[in-house]
Protein backbone atom coordinates (compact mmCIF):
# COMPACT_ATOMS: atom_id res chain seq x y z
CA UNK A 1 -11.76 2.64 85.07
CA UNK A 2 -12.26 5.43 84.37
CA UNK A 3 -8.24 5.72 82.39
CA UNK A 4 -9.13 2.46 81.13
CA UNK A 5 -12.42 3.97 79.86
CA UNK A 6 -10.30 6.59 78.70
CA UNK A 7 -6.82 4.38 77.44
CA UNK A 8 -9.41 2.48 75.06
CA UNK A 9 -11.47 5.38 73.33
CA UNK A 10 -8.16 6.90 72.41
CA UNK A 11 -7.24 3.00 71.06
CA UNK A 12 -10.56 3.88 69.14
CA UNK A 13 -10.20 7.08 68.13
CA UNK A 14 -6.67 5.67 67.32
CA UNK A 15 -7.63 2.58 65.31
CA UNK A 16 -9.97 4.82 64.44
CA UNK A 17 -7.98 8.03 62.68
CA UNK A 18 -5.75 4.95 61.13
CA UNK A 19 -9.12 3.90 59.68
CA UNK A 20 -9.70 7.21 58.16
CA UNK A 21 -6.02 7.95 56.11
CA UNK A 22 -6.14 4.29 54.63
CA UNK A 23 -9.66 5.23 53.61
CA UNK A 24 -7.98 7.88 51.63
CA UNK A 25 -4.88 6.34 51.19
CA UNK A 26 -7.81 3.41 48.89
CA UNK A 27 -10.05 6.50 47.40
CA UNK A 28 -6.62 8.77 46.16
CA UNK A 29 -5.63 4.57 44.82
CA UNK A 30 -9.34 4.79 43.09
CA UNK A 31 -8.37 8.29 41.83
CA UNK A 32 -5.06 7.59 40.01
CA UNK A 33 -6.87 4.37 38.76
CA UNK A 34 -9.74 5.59 37.84
CA UNK A 35 -7.35 8.05 35.74
CA UNK A 36 -4.79 5.82 34.47
CA UNK A 37 -7.77 4.18 32.77
CA UNK A 38 -9.28 6.98 31.19
CA UNK A 39 -5.72 8.35 30.06
CA UNK A 40 -6.09 4.58 28.44
CA UNK A 41 -9.23 4.82 26.78
CA UNK A 42 -8.57 8.13 26.10
CA UNK A 43 -5.50 7.18 24.17
CA UNK A 44 -7.22 3.24 22.49
CA UNK A 45 -9.97 5.77 21.33
CA UNK A 46 -6.46 8.11 19.59
CA UNK A 47 -5.19 4.93 18.29
CA UNK A 48 -7.67 3.65 16.54
CA UNK A 49 -8.83 6.88 14.85
CA UNK A 50 -5.72 6.67 14.20
CA UNK A 51 -5.73 3.12 13.15
CA UNK A 52 -9.37 3.77 10.97
CA UNK A 53 -7.03 6.61 8.71
CA UNK A 54 -4.53 4.39 7.81
CA UNK A 55 -6.71 1.90 6.98
CA UNK A 56 -8.96 4.30 4.69
CA UNK A 57 -6.39 5.19 3.02
CA UNK A 58 -5.01 1.26 2.60
CA UNK A 59 -8.14 0.90 1.25
CA UNK A 60 -7.06 4.60 -0.90
CA UNK A 61 -3.89 3.50 -2.35
CA UNK A 62 -5.08 -0.01 -2.93
CA UNK A 63 -7.62 1.05 -5.43
CA UNK A 64 -5.84 3.94 -6.79
CA UNK A 65 -2.31 1.12 -7.15
CA UNK A 66 -5.05 -1.49 -8.88
CA UNK A 67 -6.80 1.20 -11.26
CA UNK A 68 -2.55 1.26 -12.03
CA UNK A 69 -2.22 -1.84 -12.76
CA UNK A 70 -5.37 -1.88 -15.69
CA UNK A 71 -3.89 0.73 -17.51
CA UNK A 72 -0.32 -0.09 -17.75
CA UNK A 73 -2.39 -3.63 -18.15
CA UNK A 74 -4.55 -2.07 -20.98
CA UNK A 75 -1.40 -0.27 -22.44
CA UNK A 76 0.97 -2.84 -22.77
CA UNK A 77 -2.25 -5.34 -24.69
CA UNK A 78 -2.52 -1.61 -27.02
CA UNK A 79 1.47 -2.00 -27.70
CA UNK A 80 1.00 -5.82 -28.07
CA UNK A 81 -1.02 -4.79 -30.38
CA UNK A 82 0.86 -2.25 -32.62
CA UNK A 83 3.54 -3.93 -32.18
CA UNK A 84 1.63 -7.41 -33.97
CA UNK A 85 1.40 -5.51 -36.77
CA UNK A 86 4.35 -2.95 -36.90
CA UNK A 87 6.11 -6.94 -37.34
CA UNK A 88 3.27 -8.06 -40.05
CA UNK A 89 4.33 -4.57 -42.19
CA UNK A 90 7.38 -5.81 -41.55
CA UNK A 91 7.62 -9.07 -43.33
CA UNK A 92 4.94 -7.75 -46.20
CA UNK A 93 7.25 -5.12 -46.54
CA UNK A 94 10.17 -7.67 -46.32
CA UNK A 95 8.63 -9.63 -49.50
CA UNK A 96 7.65 -6.96 -51.15
CA UNK A 97 11.71 -5.94 -51.19
CA UNK A 98 12.60 -9.69 -52.13
CA UNK A 99 10.28 -9.31 -54.44
CA UNK A 100 11.74 -6.44 -56.13
CA UNK A 101 14.96 -7.65 -55.89
CA UNK A 102 14.26 -10.72 -57.47
CA UNK A 103 13.25 -8.71 -60.53
CA UNK A 104 15.75 -6.49 -60.35
CA UNK A 105 17.98 -8.90 -60.41
CA UNK A 106 16.15 -10.00 -64.19
CA UNK A 107 15.99 -7.23 -65.64
CA UNK A 108 19.64 -6.88 -64.53
CA UNK A 109 20.52 -10.67 -66.45
CA UNK A 110 18.50 -9.65 -69.40
CA UNK A 111 19.69 -5.77 -69.70
CA UNK A 112 23.12 -8.88 -69.43
CA UNK A 113 22.48 -10.22 -72.14
CA UNK A 114 21.37 -8.78 -74.23
CA UNK A 115 24.36 -6.09 -74.79
CA UNK A 116 25.41 -9.53 -74.30
CA UNK A 117 24.26 -10.48 -77.56
CA UNK A 118 24.32 -6.82 -79.33
CA UNK A 119 28.22 -6.46 -79.25
CA UNK A 120 29.21 -10.15 -79.27
């Protein structure tokens, strides 16, 4: 009977040892998982900070682009106004030139007429 109790005690001690080893293994796995979760959370925080910085930079670039577009539109409008003004001036100068050419032709005609009358 004592041998039976010793065998049972030995079996219980062995079972207890296995359970303790299993618990130790589970605790190690839990610690590893916690570490992985902590690293993942830390990486997520870093990525969120990077995302926020990129969004801020994007917004800044969009604002700068909008300002440049507005400036280019203003310059284009100014250019079109100057071009219209210059085209108007060009047309006026063309009319003046045509008028001067017409006067020149008339004067030339009269000079030829006078020359013809005087010498013929």
